[in-house]
N, C-alpha and C. Protein backbone atom coordinates (compact mmCIF):
# COMPACT_ATOMS: atom_id res chain seq x y z
N MET A 1 -8.60 -32.72 -3.70
CA MET A 1 -7.78 -32.18 -4.77
C MET A 1 -6.31 -32.33 -4.40
N ASN A 2 -5.49 -32.67 -5.36
CA ASN A 2 -4.07 -32.85 -5.16
C ASN A 2 -3.40 -31.48 -5.02
N PRO A 3 -2.74 -31.18 -3.87
CA PRO A 3 -2.13 -29.86 -3.69
C PRO A 3 -1.02 -29.57 -4.70
N VAL A 4 -0.33 -30.60 -5.18
CA VAL A 4 0.74 -30.38 -6.14
C VAL A 4 0.16 -29.83 -7.45
N ALA A 5 -1.03 -30.27 -7.82
CA ALA A 5 -1.65 -29.84 -9.07
C ALA A 5 -2.01 -28.36 -9.03
N THR A 6 -2.20 -27.79 -7.84
CA THR A 6 -2.59 -26.40 -7.74
C THR A 6 -1.42 -25.47 -7.43
N MET A 7 -0.22 -26.00 -7.28
CA MET A 7 0.94 -25.16 -6.97
C MET A 7 1.33 -24.35 -8.19
N ARG A 8 1.56 -23.07 -7.97
CA ARG A 8 2.03 -22.19 -9.02
C ARG A 8 3.54 -22.31 -9.17
N LYS A 9 3.99 -22.10 -10.38
CA LYS A 9 5.43 -21.94 -10.58
C LYS A 9 5.80 -20.58 -10.00
N SER A 10 7.05 -20.43 -9.60
CA SER A 10 7.52 -19.13 -9.13
C SER A 10 7.56 -18.17 -10.31
N LYS A 11 7.70 -16.90 -10.01
CA LYS A 11 7.81 -15.91 -11.09
C LYS A 11 9.08 -16.16 -11.91
N LEU A 12 10.16 -16.53 -11.25
CA LEU A 12 11.40 -16.79 -11.99
C LEU A 12 11.22 -17.99 -12.92
N GLU A 13 10.59 -19.06 -12.44
CA GLU A 13 10.34 -20.22 -13.29
C GLU A 13 9.45 -19.84 -14.48
N THR A 14 8.43 -19.03 -14.20
CA THR A 14 7.54 -18.58 -15.26
C THR A 14 8.30 -17.71 -16.26
N ALA A 15 9.14 -16.81 -15.76
CA ALA A 15 9.94 -15.95 -16.65
C ALA A 15 10.86 -16.79 -17.53
N ARG A 16 11.46 -17.81 -16.97
CA ARG A 16 12.33 -18.69 -17.76
C ARG A 16 11.54 -19.41 -18.85
N SER A 17 10.33 -19.87 -18.51
CA SER A 17 9.47 -20.54 -19.49
C SER A 17 9.07 -19.58 -20.61
N LEU A 18 8.71 -18.36 -20.24
CA LEU A 18 8.36 -17.35 -21.23
C LEU A 18 9.55 -17.06 -22.15
N ALA A 19 10.73 -16.91 -21.56
CA ALA A 19 11.93 -16.63 -22.36
C ALA A 19 12.19 -17.76 -23.35
N ALA A 20 12.13 -18.99 -22.89
CA ALA A 20 12.37 -20.13 -23.78
C ALA A 20 11.36 -20.15 -24.92
N ALA A 21 10.09 -19.88 -24.61
CA ALA A 21 9.05 -19.86 -25.64
C ALA A 21 9.29 -18.72 -26.63
N HIS A 22 9.69 -17.56 -26.14
CA HIS A 22 9.93 -16.43 -27.02
C HIS A 22 11.13 -16.69 -27.93
N PHE A 23 12.19 -17.31 -27.40
CA PHE A 23 13.35 -17.65 -28.23
C PHE A 23 12.96 -18.64 -29.33
N ARG A 24 12.03 -19.55 -29.02
CA ARG A 24 11.61 -20.55 -30.02
C ARG A 24 10.87 -19.91 -31.20
N VAL A 25 10.13 -18.84 -30.96
CA VAL A 25 9.29 -18.27 -32.03
C VAL A 25 9.84 -16.99 -32.65
N GLU A 26 10.86 -16.38 -32.07
CA GLU A 26 11.40 -15.11 -32.58
C GLU A 26 12.86 -15.29 -32.98
N PRO A 27 13.13 -15.51 -34.27
CA PRO A 27 14.51 -15.77 -34.69
C PRO A 27 15.46 -14.59 -34.50
N ASN A 28 14.95 -13.37 -34.42
CA ASN A 28 15.81 -12.20 -34.27
C ASN A 28 16.02 -11.80 -32.81
N LEU A 29 15.51 -12.60 -31.89
CA LEU A 29 15.67 -12.31 -30.46
C LEU A 29 17.09 -12.65 -30.04
N LYS A 30 17.79 -11.66 -29.47
CA LYS A 30 19.20 -11.83 -29.12
C LYS A 30 19.43 -12.04 -27.63
N HIS A 31 18.69 -11.32 -26.78
CA HIS A 31 18.85 -11.41 -25.33
C HIS A 31 17.51 -11.17 -24.66
N ILE A 32 17.33 -11.77 -23.49
CA ILE A 32 16.20 -11.46 -22.61
C ILE A 32 16.76 -11.31 -21.21
N HIS A 33 16.39 -10.21 -20.55
CA HIS A 33 16.79 -9.97 -19.16
C HIS A 33 15.54 -9.74 -18.33
N LEU A 34 15.61 -10.16 -17.08
CA LEU A 34 14.59 -9.73 -16.13
C LEU A 34 14.78 -8.24 -15.88
N ILE A 35 13.71 -7.54 -15.67
CA ILE A 35 13.78 -6.16 -15.18
C ILE A 35 13.38 -6.25 -13.72
N GLU A 36 14.27 -5.83 -12.85
CA GLU A 36 14.09 -6.01 -11.42
C GLU A 36 13.85 -4.68 -10.72
N PRO A 37 13.30 -4.68 -9.53
CA PRO A 37 13.02 -5.83 -8.69
C PRO A 37 11.74 -6.54 -9.11
N MET A 38 11.66 -7.80 -8.70
CA MET A 38 10.50 -8.63 -8.95
C MET A 38 10.03 -9.16 -7.61
N ASP A 39 8.82 -8.84 -7.24
CA ASP A 39 8.26 -9.26 -5.95
C ASP A 39 7.55 -10.59 -6.13
N ASP A 40 8.24 -11.68 -5.75
CA ASP A 40 7.69 -13.02 -5.91
C ASP A 40 6.51 -13.27 -4.97
N GLN A 41 6.37 -12.45 -3.93
CA GLN A 41 5.29 -12.65 -2.96
C GLN A 41 3.98 -11.99 -3.39
N ASP A 42 4.04 -11.05 -4.32
CA ASP A 42 2.85 -10.33 -4.76
C ASP A 42 2.43 -10.85 -6.13
N PRO A 43 1.34 -11.62 -6.21
CA PRO A 43 0.92 -12.18 -7.50
C PRO A 43 0.48 -11.13 -8.52
N ASN A 44 0.23 -9.91 -8.07
CA ASN A 44 -0.17 -8.84 -8.98
C ASN A 44 1.00 -8.03 -9.52
N ASP A 45 2.18 -8.19 -8.92
CA ASP A 45 3.38 -7.52 -9.41
C ASP A 45 3.83 -8.27 -10.66
N PRO A 46 3.86 -7.60 -11.82
CA PRO A 46 4.14 -8.33 -13.06
C PRO A 46 5.59 -8.77 -13.20
N ILE A 47 5.76 -9.83 -13.97
CA ILE A 47 7.07 -10.23 -14.46
C ILE A 47 7.41 -9.21 -15.54
N ARG A 48 8.61 -8.63 -15.48
CA ARG A 48 9.04 -7.64 -16.47
C ARG A 48 10.25 -8.20 -17.22
N LEU A 49 10.13 -8.26 -18.54
CA LEU A 49 11.21 -8.78 -19.37
C LEU A 49 11.68 -7.73 -20.36
N LEU A 50 12.99 -7.59 -20.47
CA LEU A 50 13.61 -6.74 -21.47
C LEU A 50 14.09 -7.66 -22.59
N GLU A 51 13.53 -7.47 -23.79
CA GLU A 51 13.86 -8.32 -24.92
C GLU A 51 14.59 -7.51 -25.98
N VAL A 52 15.76 -8.00 -26.37
CA VAL A 52 16.59 -7.33 -27.38
C VAL A 52 16.36 -8.06 -28.70
N VAL A 53 15.78 -7.32 -29.66
CA VAL A 53 15.39 -7.94 -30.93
C VAL A 53 16.05 -7.18 -32.08
N GLU A 54 16.84 -7.91 -32.86
CA GLU A 54 17.46 -7.35 -34.05
C GLU A 54 16.38 -6.92 -35.02
N GLY A 55 16.48 -5.67 -35.51
CA GLY A 55 15.51 -5.18 -36.48
C GLY A 55 14.33 -4.45 -35.87
N THR A 56 14.25 -4.40 -34.54
CA THR A 56 13.14 -3.67 -33.92
C THR A 56 13.34 -2.17 -34.12
N ILE A 57 12.26 -1.44 -34.23
CA ILE A 57 12.32 0.01 -34.42
C ILE A 57 12.77 0.65 -33.12
N GLU A 58 13.71 1.58 -33.21
CA GLU A 58 14.20 2.27 -32.02
C GLU A 58 13.22 3.37 -31.65
N ARG A 59 12.45 3.11 -30.61
CA ARG A 59 11.45 4.07 -30.18
C ARG A 59 11.49 4.30 -28.67
N GLY A 60 12.54 3.83 -28.03
CA GLY A 60 12.65 4.01 -26.59
C GLY A 60 11.89 2.94 -25.83
N ILE A 61 11.71 3.19 -24.56
CA ILE A 61 11.07 2.22 -23.67
C ILE A 61 9.56 2.34 -23.82
N GLU A 62 8.95 1.32 -24.42
CA GLU A 62 7.50 1.26 -24.58
C GLU A 62 7.03 -0.11 -24.10
N PRO A 63 6.72 -0.21 -22.83
CA PRO A 63 6.29 -1.52 -22.30
C PRO A 63 4.93 -1.94 -22.86
N VAL A 64 4.79 -3.24 -23.05
CA VAL A 64 3.53 -3.83 -23.48
C VAL A 64 3.12 -4.80 -22.39
N GLY A 65 1.91 -4.62 -21.85
CA GLY A 65 1.44 -5.45 -20.75
C GLY A 65 0.54 -6.58 -21.20
N PHE A 66 0.63 -7.70 -20.48
CA PHE A 66 -0.20 -8.87 -20.72
C PHE A 66 -0.77 -9.33 -19.40
N THR A 67 -1.99 -9.80 -19.42
CA THR A 67 -2.60 -10.34 -18.21
C THR A 67 -2.11 -11.77 -17.99
N ALA A 68 -2.34 -12.27 -16.80
CA ALA A 68 -2.02 -13.67 -16.50
C ALA A 68 -2.85 -14.56 -17.42
N ASP A 69 -2.31 -15.72 -17.75
CA ASP A 69 -3.01 -16.69 -18.60
C ASP A 69 -2.79 -18.09 -18.01
N PRO A 70 -3.46 -18.39 -16.88
CA PRO A 70 -3.23 -19.67 -16.20
C PRO A 70 -3.42 -20.89 -17.09
N ALA A 71 -4.31 -20.82 -18.07
CA ALA A 71 -4.52 -21.96 -18.96
C ALA A 71 -3.26 -22.31 -19.75
N ARG A 72 -2.38 -21.33 -19.91
CA ARG A 72 -1.11 -21.55 -20.62
C ARG A 72 0.07 -21.61 -19.68
N GLY A 73 -0.19 -21.72 -18.39
CA GLY A 73 0.88 -21.84 -17.40
C GLY A 73 1.51 -20.53 -17.00
N ILE A 74 0.82 -19.42 -17.29
CA ILE A 74 1.34 -18.10 -16.93
C ILE A 74 0.41 -17.52 -15.87
N ASP A 75 0.81 -17.67 -14.62
CA ASP A 75 -0.04 -17.29 -13.48
C ASP A 75 0.11 -15.84 -13.06
N TYR A 76 0.93 -15.07 -13.77
CA TYR A 76 1.22 -13.70 -13.35
C TYR A 76 1.10 -12.76 -14.56
N PRO A 77 0.75 -11.52 -14.30
CA PRO A 77 0.81 -10.55 -15.40
C PRO A 77 2.26 -10.37 -15.84
N CYS A 78 2.44 -9.88 -17.04
CA CYS A 78 3.79 -9.74 -17.60
C CYS A 78 3.88 -8.44 -18.38
N ILE A 79 5.03 -7.82 -18.32
CA ILE A 79 5.33 -6.64 -19.12
C ILE A 79 6.57 -6.95 -19.95
N ILE A 80 6.46 -6.72 -21.26
CA ILE A 80 7.58 -6.93 -22.17
C ILE A 80 8.04 -5.57 -22.68
N VAL A 81 9.34 -5.33 -22.61
CA VAL A 81 9.94 -4.14 -23.19
C VAL A 81 10.88 -4.63 -24.28
N GLU A 82 10.56 -4.30 -25.53
CA GLU A 82 11.38 -4.73 -26.66
C GLU A 82 12.25 -3.55 -27.11
N ILE A 83 13.55 -3.80 -27.20
CA ILE A 83 14.48 -2.76 -27.65
C ILE A 83 15.43 -3.32 -28.70
N SER A 84 16.10 -2.42 -29.40
CA SER A 84 17.07 -2.81 -30.43
C SER A 84 18.42 -3.12 -29.77
N PRO A 85 19.31 -3.80 -30.49
CA PRO A 85 20.66 -4.02 -29.96
C PRO A 85 21.40 -2.71 -29.65
N THR A 86 21.18 -1.67 -30.43
CA THR A 86 21.81 -0.37 -30.16
C THR A 86 21.29 0.21 -28.85
N GLU A 87 19.97 0.15 -28.65
CA GLU A 87 19.40 0.64 -27.39
C GLU A 87 19.90 -0.21 -26.21
N TYR A 88 20.07 -1.48 -26.44
CA TYR A 88 20.55 -2.40 -25.40
C TYR A 88 21.92 -1.98 -24.89
N LYS A 89 22.78 -1.52 -25.78
CA LYS A 89 24.12 -1.10 -25.36
C LYS A 89 24.05 0.02 -24.32
N SER A 90 23.04 0.86 -24.41
CA SER A 90 22.95 1.99 -23.48
C SER A 90 22.29 1.62 -22.15
N VAL A 91 21.62 0.47 -22.06
CA VAL A 91 20.96 0.10 -20.80
C VAL A 91 21.47 -1.20 -20.19
N ARG A 92 22.33 -1.91 -20.88
CA ARG A 92 22.75 -3.25 -20.48
C ARG A 92 23.20 -3.35 -19.03
N ASN A 93 23.96 -2.40 -18.54
CA ASN A 93 24.47 -2.48 -17.18
C ASN A 93 23.88 -1.40 -16.29
N GLY A 94 22.67 -0.99 -16.59
CA GLY A 94 22.14 0.12 -15.82
C GLY A 94 20.67 0.04 -15.52
N LYS A 95 20.02 1.17 -15.75
CA LYS A 95 18.63 1.33 -15.36
C LYS A 95 17.75 1.50 -16.59
N VAL A 96 16.50 1.12 -16.41
CA VAL A 96 15.46 1.33 -17.41
C VAL A 96 14.36 2.09 -16.70
N ARG A 97 13.87 3.18 -17.31
CA ARG A 97 12.82 3.97 -16.67
C ARG A 97 11.51 3.79 -17.43
N PHE A 98 10.51 3.27 -16.72
CA PHE A 98 9.15 3.26 -17.22
C PHE A 98 8.22 3.11 -16.04
N ALA A 99 6.95 3.38 -16.28
CA ALA A 99 5.95 3.36 -15.21
C ALA A 99 6.37 4.27 -14.06
N ASN A 100 6.99 5.40 -14.41
CA ASN A 100 7.43 6.41 -13.44
C ASN A 100 8.39 5.86 -12.39
N ARG A 101 9.12 4.81 -12.74
CA ARG A 101 10.10 4.23 -11.82
C ARG A 101 11.35 3.87 -12.57
N ASP A 102 12.44 3.80 -11.82
CA ASP A 102 13.68 3.27 -12.38
C ASP A 102 13.75 1.79 -12.02
N TRP A 103 14.01 0.97 -13.01
CA TRP A 103 14.13 -0.47 -12.83
C TRP A 103 15.55 -0.86 -13.19
N THR A 104 16.01 -1.97 -12.67
CA THR A 104 17.36 -2.46 -12.93
C THR A 104 17.32 -3.58 -13.96
N VAL A 105 18.23 -3.51 -14.92
CA VAL A 105 18.38 -4.60 -15.87
C VAL A 105 19.05 -5.73 -15.10
N GLY A 106 18.33 -6.83 -14.96
CA GLY A 106 18.79 -7.92 -14.10
C GLY A 106 19.30 -9.13 -14.89
N LYS A 107 19.12 -10.26 -14.28
CA LYS A 107 19.61 -11.54 -14.77
C LYS A 107 19.19 -11.80 -16.22
N GLU A 108 20.15 -12.32 -17.00
CA GLU A 108 19.83 -12.72 -18.37
C GLU A 108 19.21 -14.11 -18.35
N LEU A 109 18.15 -14.27 -19.12
CA LEU A 109 17.47 -15.56 -19.26
C LEU A 109 17.89 -16.15 -20.60
N LEU A 110 18.24 -17.41 -20.59
CA LEU A 110 18.78 -18.05 -21.78
C LEU A 110 17.70 -18.78 -22.57
N ALA A 111 18.05 -19.16 -23.80
CA ALA A 111 17.09 -19.78 -24.72
C ALA A 111 16.60 -21.13 -24.23
N GLY A 112 17.36 -21.83 -23.50
CA GLY A 112 16.88 -23.17 -23.14
C GLY A 112 17.45 -23.64 -21.90
């Protein structure tokens, strides 16, 4: 078996791919940030994305979890937190609390 064919993308590469795909299908998506820390060494530690969507209902931090989907190139579980632009203003340079932990709003991922 070719070892290159079995190599996983890093979590950051996967997060960038997810962000690009989400920007392609969601016209009201304004920003995507990593929620950090992200443990690239632990395949069970999910990729966490903060997505700012115009028109989303303001209901606070409600993460939605997804399992890994290797057939689609997603080798890691993922958690998406969707917030409104107004909610984004209050967390943009700070912390997000969910799963009984404080997480940091990290690097912004771009559309392409």
